[in-house]
């Protein structure tokens, strides 16, 4: 029997293929690979979530809430600035850490829980701590605190060099102090489909209909192209939140109102269960990832590459690390550049075919098996 790993998900995160959350998805895909290689996994998650587990053990904890209140955060920040522990966060996260079996001595993957590292070292001193950072969201932590966390954890994993550089900024530590493991995909779900000839290209957006994800930018570019006579269909898959039953918020309604100018060229669909999202990719020709935020390592781009789509994305955050030369990039700072680049893809089948070829090559490099092997190797190097 192989080694037992544990994944600890913060309050509010869901371990389920029905959720599009990146933390639960990464934990589930790494768990599948660990099982394939003879290992066992324990999942520690908030009792309030609608989790789906298979062979792995699910240990639930009672969370005091999804976030700390403003007063507690402010006091913790002041403590951290003095080099002291974040007492409020330690108490907030303690139920999750205490759900781990006493004496647990395997790798514990803490997802986005920087401040939990010293508390886990105290509560489960034999555990091998792997802090897994999915986003650039911790630069407000003092550099000295971030440096202490790197020293106290057995391994710190960042989902892109972009995240690693931001996390290490000001610490004086080299990039080699952490491991960079880009997100991956499951080839059984994400693979190319047939390319029907002669039809109008289908442009796909999938994800949250939120301002930072750029759906309005794509709608505006599509309206411009439609007025210029371009042939295409646009499929928008997602909701304001990461589940199909979420009610539309004001921004989602604004996006749909603007999209009404496209008439029957556009179709909106609610969030699709990850178990079947591969079919959505295979029904498209072009994937657009128009993020206005610094996406760390977007799963949607990795999955689009593996599905053989011609991918168009904003060159922000860790996106260029994921796509390399297999993606066509637009400059989000230049008005109209998204429409120009998308227009080229719609007009030029040869360009789409070349990007499809490159996408499949890049997708073969980013399977979850390769991500798991890299993580396992770095964990082995980090044995205390």
Protein backbone atom coordinates (compact mmCIF):
# COMPACT_ATOMS: atom_id res chain seq x y z
CA UNK A 1 0.00 0.00 0.00
CA UNK A 2 1.30 3.45 -0.87
CA UNK A 3 1.60 6.56 1.25
CA UNK A 4 -1.44 8.34 2.65
CA UNK A 5 -1.84 12.00 1.71
CA UNK A 6 -4.28 14.52 3.15
CA UNK A 7 -5.82 17.54 1.42
CA UNK A 8 -7.21 20.24 3.71
CA UNK A 9 -9.73 22.56 2.05
CA UNK A 10 -10.55 25.93 3.66
CA UNK A 11 -14.08 26.78 4.81
CA UNK A 12 -16.46 27.35 1.91
CA UNK A 13 -14.56 25.16 -0.56
CA UNK A 14 -16.30 22.11 -2.04
CA UNK A 15 -14.79 18.75 -2.94
CA UNK A 16 -17.00 17.74 -5.85
CA UNK A 17 -17.03 17.50 -9.65
CA UNK A 18 -20.21 19.54 -9.53
CA UNK A 19 -18.21 22.56 -8.40
CA UNK A 20 -15.98 24.60 -10.67
CA UNK A 21 -13.82 25.81 -7.79
CA UNK A 22 -10.13 25.39 -8.55
CA UNK A 23 -9.11 24.21 -5.07
CA UNK A 24 -11.56 21.31 -4.98
CA UNK A 25 -10.78 20.41 -8.59
CA UNK A 26 -7.03 20.31 -8.04
CA UNK A 27 -7.46 18.24 -4.87
CA UNK A 28 -9.76 15.78 -6.68
CA UNK A 29 -7.48 15.36 -9.69
CA UNK A 30 -4.35 14.89 -7.59
CA UNK A 31 -6.27 12.40 -5.45
CA UNK A 32 -7.26 10.39 -8.54
CA UNK A 33 -3.63 10.21 -9.66
CA UNK A 34 -2.43 9.29 -6.17
CA UNK A 35 -4.96 6.44 -6.11
CA UNK A 36 -3.77 5.24 -9.54
CA UNK A 37 -0.25 5.07 -8.13
CA UNK A 38 -1.31 2.97 -5.14
CA UNK A 39 -1.77 5.69 -2.53
CA UNK A 40 -4.59 6.57 -0.15
CA UNK A 41 -6.01 10.04 0.44
CA UNK A 42 -7.88 11.78 3.23
CA UNK A 43 -9.97 14.82 2.31
CA UNK A 44 -10.66 17.33 5.09
CA UNK A 45 -13.51 19.70 4.21
CA UNK A 46 -16.13 22.00 5.70
CA UNK A 47 -19.23 20.05 6.83
CA UNK A 48 -21.49 22.67 5.22
CA UNK A 49 -20.35 21.83 1.68
CA UNK A 50 -22.06 19.36 -0.66
CA UNK A 51 -19.02 17.12 -1.14
CA UNK A 52 -18.71 14.03 -3.33
CA UNK A 53 -16.07 11.48 -2.43
CA UNK A 54 -15.32 8.08 -3.93
CA UNK A 55 -12.59 5.82 -2.57
CA UNK A 56 -10.95 8.59 -0.54
CA UNK A 57 -11.88 9.17 3.09
CA UNK A 58 -13.83 12.36 3.75
CA UNK A 59 -13.35 13.97 7.15
CA UNK A 60 -15.60 16.94 7.80
CA UNK A 61 -15.18 19.74 10.29
CA UNK A 62 -17.51 22.39 11.67
CA UNK A 63 -16.40 25.78 10.43
CA UNK A 64 -17.10 28.97 12.39
CA UNK A 65 -17.83 30.66 9.04
CA UNK A 66 -16.30 31.21 5.62
CA UNK A 67 -14.12 34.19 6.55
CA UNK A 68 -12.83 36.14 9.52
CA UNK A 69 -14.58 39.38 10.31
CA UNK A 70 -12.84 42.69 9.63
CA UNK A 71 -11.91 43.31 13.27
CA UNK A 72 -10.27 39.88 13.63
CA UNK A 73 -8.36 40.30 10.36
CA UNK A 74 -7.08 43.69 11.45
CA UNK A 75 -5.87 42.37 14.80
CA UNK A 76 -4.18 39.41 13.08
CA UNK A 77 -2.43 41.75 10.63
CA UNK A 78 -1.13 43.81 13.54
CA UNK A 79 0.12 40.67 15.28
CA UNK A 80 1.83 39.43 12.13
CA UNK A 81 3.49 42.81 11.70
CA UNK A 82 5.04 42.31 15.16
CA UNK A 83 6.21 38.81 14.22
CA UNK A 84 3.52 37.11 16.32
CA UNK A 85 1.06 34.37 15.39
CA UNK A 86 -2.33 35.16 13.84
CA UNK A 87 -4.38 34.05 16.83
CA UNK A 88 -7.80 34.66 15.29
CA UNK A 89 -6.98 32.72 12.11
CA UNK A 90 -5.40 29.92 14.16
CA UNK A 91 -8.66 29.51 16.09
CA UNK A 92 -10.69 29.86 12.89
CA UNK A 93 -8.77 27.08 11.10
CA UNK A 94 -8.17 24.84 14.12
CA UNK A 95 -11.27 22.62 13.56
CA UNK A 96 -9.97 21.70 10.09
CA UNK A 97 -6.53 20.79 11.38
CA UNK A 98 -7.87 18.83 14.35
CA UNK A 99 -9.96 16.72 11.95
CA UNK A 100 -6.71 15.12 10.80
CA UNK A 101 -5.99 11.82 12.58
CA UNK A 102 -3.75 12.19 15.63
CA UNK A 103 -0.18 11.22 14.80
CA UNK A 104 -0.68 11.70 11.04
CA UNK A 105 2.80 11.64 9.49
CA UNK A 106 2.11 11.84 5.76
CA UNK A 107 1.99 14.86 3.46
CA UNK A 108 -0.74 17.35 4.34
CA UNK A 109 -1.63 19.62 1.43
CA UNK A 110 -2.93 22.91 2.82
CA UNK A 111 -4.79 24.71 0.05
CA UNK A 112 -4.42 28.51 0.21
CA UNK A 113 -4.00 28.42 3.99
CA UNK A 114 -0.76 30.34 4.54
CA UNK A 115 -1.49 31.31 8.12
CA UNK A 116 -2.39 27.71 9.05
CA UNK A 117 1.16 26.42 8.54
CA UNK A 118 2.49 27.21 12.04
CA UNK A 119 -0.75 25.98 13.62
CA UNK A 120 -0.53 22.66 11.76
CA UNK A 121 3.10 22.28 12.83
CA UNK A 122 1.94 22.71 16.44
CA UNK A 123 -1.12 20.43 16.28
CA UNK A 124 0.30 17.65 14.06
CA UNK A 125 4.10 17.92 14.48
CA UNK A 126 4.82 14.73 12.52
CA UNK A 127 2.94 15.82 9.40
CA UNK A 128 4.84 16.86 6.28
CA UNK A 129 3.37 20.23 5.38
CA UNK A 130 2.78 21.14 1.73
CA UNK A 131 1.35 24.64 1.34
CA UNK A 132 -0.40 24.82 -2.06
CA UNK A 133 -0.95 28.37 -3.34
CA UNK A 134 -3.56 28.80 -6.08
CA UNK A 135 -3.59 32.59 -6.41
CA UNK A 136 -1.73 35.83 -5.82
CA UNK A 137 -3.59 36.83 -2.68
CA UNK A 138 -1.00 36.93 0.11
CA UNK A 139 1.25 39.88 -0.67
CA UNK A 140 -0.45 41.83 2.12
CA UNK A 141 1.26 39.42 4.52
CA UNK A 142 4.57 40.90 5.75
CA UNK A 143 7.59 39.60 3.83
CA UNK A 144 9.11 38.31 7.07
CA UNK A 145 5.96 36.27 7.76
CA UNK A 146 5.99 34.78 4.26
CA UNK A 147 9.67 33.87 4.67
CA UNK A 148 8.91 32.15 7.99
CA UNK A 149 6.12 30.15 6.36
CA UNK A 150 8.48 28.95 3.61
CA UNK A 151 10.97 27.89 6.28
CA UNK A 152 8.36 26.14 8.43
CA UNK A 153 6.59 24.24 5.64
CA UNK A 154 8.25 21.19 4.13
CA UNK A 155 7.23 22.37 0.66
CA UNK A 156 5.48 25.39 -0.81
CA UNK A 157 3.82 24.82 -4.19
CA UNK A 158 2.70 27.67 -6.46
CA UNK A 159 0.49 27.06 -9.49
CA UNK A 160 2.62 29.37 -11.65
CA UNK A 161 5.89 31.24 -11.58
CA UNK A 162 3.79 34.39 -11.48
CA UNK A 163 2.31 33.35 -8.11
CA UNK A 164 5.73 32.23 -6.84
CA UNK A 165 7.40 35.54 -7.66
CA UNK A 166 4.60 37.52 -6.06
CA UNK A 167 4.66 35.38 -2.90
CA UNK A 168 8.45 35.61 -2.55
CA UNK A 169 8.60 39.32 -3.32
CA UNK A 170 10.56 41.12 -0.61
CA UNK A 171 11.55 37.93 1.26
CA UNK A 172 15.03 37.70 -0.23
CA UNK A 173 14.38 34.04 -1.05
CA UNK A 174 15.21 32.60 -4.49
CA UNK A 175 12.56 31.14 -6.77
CA UNK A 176 14.00 27.69 -6.00
CA UNK A 177 12.67 28.05 -2.44
CA UNK A 178 9.27 26.97 -3.77
CA UNK A 179 8.01 24.50 -6.39
CA UNK A 180 6.08 25.65 -9.45
CA UNK A 181 3.44 23.13 -10.56
CA UNK A 182 1.10 24.40 -13.28
CA UNK A 183 -2.45 23.08 -13.24
CA UNK A 184 -3.30 20.14 -15.46
CA UNK A 185 -6.16 18.25 -17.08
CA UNK A 186 -7.56 14.73 -17.25
CA UNK A 187 -7.10 13.34 -20.81
CA UNK A 188 -10.05 11.01 -20.29
CA UNK A 189 -12.32 14.07 -20.07
CA UNK A 190 -10.48 16.64 -22.16
CA UNK A 191 -9.54 15.52 -25.64
CA UNK A 192 -10.27 16.78 -29.17
CA UNK A 193 -13.47 16.10 -31.03
CA UNK A 194 -14.25 16.07 -34.77
CA UNK A 195 -14.10 19.36 -36.64
CA UNK A 196 -17.27 19.73 -38.76
CA UNK A 197 -16.39 21.57 -41.99
CA UNK A 198 -18.22 24.55 -43.41
CA UNK A 199 -20.05 25.68 -40.28
CA UNK A 200 -19.71 29.06 -38.59
CA UNK A 201 -16.98 28.81 -35.92
CA UNK A 202 -18.20 28.43 -32.35
CA UNK A 203 -16.52 30.72 -29.81
CA UNK A 204 -16.67 29.47 -26.22
CA UNK A 205 -16.48 31.29 -22.90
CA UNK A 206 -16.78 29.14 -19.79
CA UNK A 207 -16.47 30.26 -16.20
CA UNK A 208 -17.98 32.74 -13.79
CA UNK A 209 -19.90 35.64 -15.28
CA UNK A 210 -17.98 38.09 -13.12
CA UNK A 211 -16.34 41.41 -14.07
CA UNK A 212 -12.79 40.20 -13.47
CA UNK A 213 -13.27 37.28 -15.88
CA UNK A 214 -14.00 39.65 -18.77
CA UNK A 215 -17.26 38.32 -20.25
CA UNK A 216 -18.44 41.84 -21.09
CA UNK A 217 -15.22 42.47 -23.04
CA UNK A 218 -15.94 39.37 -25.12
CA UNK A 219 -19.56 40.38 -25.68
CA UNK A 220 -18.51 43.86 -26.82
CA UNK A 221 -15.91 42.42 -29.20
CA UNK A 222 -18.51 40.00 -30.57
CA UNK A 223 -21.01 42.80 -31.16
CA UNK A 224 -18.35 44.72 -33.09
CA UNK A 225 -17.52 41.67 -35.22
CA UNK A 226 -21.18 40.86 -35.86
CA UNK A 227 -21.79 44.39 -37.12
CA UNK A 228 -18.81 43.93 -39.46
CA UNK A 229 -20.42 40.79 -40.90
CA UNK A 230 -18.27 38.10 -39.28
CA UNK A 231 -19.71 34.56 -39.24
CA UNK A 232 -19.64 32.92 -35.82
CA UNK A 233 -21.70 31.65 -32.92
CA UNK A 234 -20.94 32.52 -29.32
CA UNK A 235 -21.58 30.16 -26.42
CA UNK A 236 -21.38 31.54 -22.89
CA UNK A 237 -21.32 28.79 -20.25
CA UNK A 238 -21.46 29.76 -16.59
CA UNK A 239 -23.20 31.77 -13.89
CA UNK A 240 -22.32 34.49 -11.44
CA UNK A 241 -21.38 31.69 -9.02
CA UNK A 242 -19.83 28.28 -9.60
CA UNK A 243 -23.02 26.24 -9.66
CA UNK A 244 -25.92 25.96 -12.07
CA UNK A 245 -28.61 26.97 -9.58
CA UNK A 246 -27.15 30.37 -8.68
CA UNK A 247 -29.48 33.29 -9.32
CA UNK A 248 -28.22 35.92 -11.77
CA UNK A 249 -26.74 38.99 -10.13
CA UNK A 250 -26.80 42.52 -11.51
CA UNK A 251 -23.63 42.07 -13.54
CA UNK A 252 -24.83 38.83 -15.13
CA UNK A 253 -28.05 40.56 -16.15
CA UNK A 254 -26.04 43.41 -17.68
CA UNK A 255 -23.94 40.95 -19.69
CA UNK A 256 -27.04 39.21 -21.03
CA UNK A 257 -28.72 42.51 -21.86
CA UNK A 258 -25.72 43.64 -23.89
CA UNK A 259 -25.51 40.22 -25.55
CA UNK A 260 -29.09 40.56 -26.78
CA UNK A 261 -27.64 42.73 -29.57
CA UNK A 262 -26.21 39.49 -31.00
CA UNK A 263 -29.63 37.91 -31.48
CA UNK A 264 -29.48 34.20 -32.20
CA UNK A 265 -25.69 34.27 -32.59
CA UNK A 266 -25.31 33.93 -28.81
CA UNK A 267 -26.39 31.19 -26.42
CA UNK A 268 -26.16 31.26 -22.63
CA UNK A 269 -25.99 28.04 -20.63
CA UNK A 270 -25.74 27.61 -16.85
CA UNK A 271 -22.68 26.16 -15.18
CA UNK A 272 -21.97 22.61 -16.39
CA UNK A 273 -20.91 19.78 -14.08
CA UNK A 274 -17.19 19.10 -14.52
CA UNK A 275 -17.96 15.45 -15.25
CA UNK A 276 -19.40 16.47 -18.64
CA UNK A 277 -17.74 19.82 -19.38
CA UNK A 278 -15.41 18.11 -21.87
CA UNK A 279 -18.33 17.76 -24.28
CA UNK A 280 -18.79 21.54 -24.18
CA UNK A 281 -15.20 22.11 -25.24
CA UNK A 282 -15.43 19.55 -28.04
CA UNK A 283 -18.45 21.36 -29.50
CA UNK A 284 -16.43 24.58 -29.93
CA UNK A 285 -13.71 25.85 -32.26
CA UNK A 286 -12.29 28.80 -30.35
CA UNK A 287 -11.86 29.30 -26.61
CA UNK A 288 -11.65 32.87 -25.33
CA UNK A 289 -10.20 33.59 -21.87
CA UNK A 290 -10.59 37.38 -21.66
CA UNK A 291 -9.62 37.77 -17.99
CA UNK A 292 -9.19 41.28 -16.64
CA UNK A 293 -7.54 39.90 -13.50
CA UNK A 294 -4.17 38.25 -12.96
CA UNK A 295 -5.28 34.65 -13.44
CA UNK A 296 -2.73 32.37 -11.79
CA UNK A 297 -3.06 29.16 -13.82
CA UNK A 298 -6.57 28.96 -15.28
CA UNK A 299 -7.92 25.44 -15.53
CA UNK A 300 -10.20 26.51 -18.38
CA UNK A 301 -7.17 27.32 -20.56
CA UNK A 302 -5.41 24.04 -19.81
CA UNK A 303 -8.60 22.15 -20.62
CA UNK A 304 -9.18 24.13 -23.81
CA UNK A 305 -5.66 23.34 -25.00
CA UNK A 306 -6.15 19.63 -24.31
CA UNK A 307 -9.42 19.76 -26.25
CA UNK A 308 -7.63 21.13 -29.31
CA UNK A 309 -9.29 24.54 -29.40
CA UNK A 310 -7.75 27.63 -30.93
CA UNK A 311 -7.21 29.63 -27.75
CA UNK A 312 -7.28 33.41 -27.38
CA UNK A 313 -6.39 34.90 -24.00
CA UNK A 314 -5.24 38.05 -22.27
CA UNK A 315 -1.53 37.89 -21.45
CA UNK A 316 -1.93 38.39 -17.71
CA UNK A 317 -0.76 36.59 -14.59
CA UNK A 318 0.32 33.01 -15.23
CA UNK A 319 -1.60 32.68 -18.51
CA UNK A 320 1.50 32.93 -20.78
CA UNK A 321 3.21 30.20 -18.72
CA UNK A 322 0.29 27.88 -19.37
CA UNK A 323 -0.22 28.71 -23.03
CA UNK A 324 3.31 29.49 -24.23
CA UNK A 325 3.22 29.70 -28.04
CA UNK A 326 0.09 27.54 -28.28
CA UNK A 327 -2.15 30.51 -27.47
CA UNK A 328 -2.85 33.74 -29.32
CA UNK A 329 -2.77 36.68 -26.93
CA UNK A 330 -4.52 40.02 -27.03
CA UNK A 331 -3.38 43.19 -25.29
CA UNK A 332 -6.05 44.12 -22.75
CA UNK A 333 -4.57 47.65 -22.58
CA UNK A 334 -5.30 48.34 -26.26
CA UNK A 335 -8.94 49.14 -27.04
CA UNK A 336 -10.26 46.93 -29.80
CA UNK A 337 -7.41 44.41 -29.73
CA UNK A 338 -9.65 41.57 -28.52
CA UNK A 339 -11.99 42.15 -31.48
CA UNK A 340 -9.05 42.34 -33.90
CA UNK A 341 -7.46 39.10 -32.70
CA UNK A 342 -10.77 37.24 -32.51
CA UNK A 343 -11.67 38.50 -35.98
CA UNK A 344 -8.48 36.98 -37.39
CA UNK A 345 -9.29 33.62 -35.83
CA UNK A 346 -12.78 33.69 -37.30
CA UNK A 347 -11.59 34.67 -40.79
CA UNK A 348 -8.57 32.36 -41.05
CA UNK A 349 -9.22 28.60 -40.79
CA UNK A 350 -5.50 27.95 -41.34
CA UNK A 351 -4.63 29.98 -38.26
CA UNK A 352 -7.18 28.06 -36.20
CA UNK A 353 -5.75 24.78 -37.49
CA UNK A 354 -2.20 25.80 -36.54
CA UNK A 355 -3.28 26.84 -33.07
CA UNK A 356 -5.18 23.57 -32.71
CA UNK A 357 -1.99 21.65 -33.54
CA UNK A 358 0.01 23.64 -31.00
CA UNK A 359 -2.74 23.35 -28.39
CA UNK A 360 -2.74 19.57 -28.55
CA UNK A 361 1.03 19.49 -28.16
CA UNK A 362 0.94 21.76 -25.14
CA UNK A 363 -1.98 19.84 -23.69
CA UNK A 364 0.02 16.61 -23.77
CA UNK A 365 2.59 18.28 -21.51
CA UNK A 366 0.04 19.35 -18.90
CA UNK A 367 -1.76 16.18 -17.84
CA UNK A 368 -2.58 15.69 -14.19
CA UNK A 369 -0.35 12.61 -14.23
CA UNK A 370 2.65 14.78 -15.10
CA UNK A 371 1.61 17.33 -12.44
CA UNK A 372 1.29 14.56 -9.85
CA UNK A 373 4.69 13.08 -10.67
CA UNK A 374 6.30 16.50 -10.32
CA UNK A 375 4.59 17.12 -6.98
CA UNK A 376 5.48 13.67 -5.67
CA UNK A 377 9.13 14.16 -6.65
CA UNK A 378 9.31 17.51 -4.87
CA UNK A 379 7.66 16.04 -1.77
CA UNK A 380 10.24 13.25 -1.75
CA UNK A 381 13.04 15.83 -1.93
CA UNK A 382 11.51 17.69 0.98
CA UNK A 383 11.51 14.80 3.48
CA UNK A 384 12.64 16.31 6.77
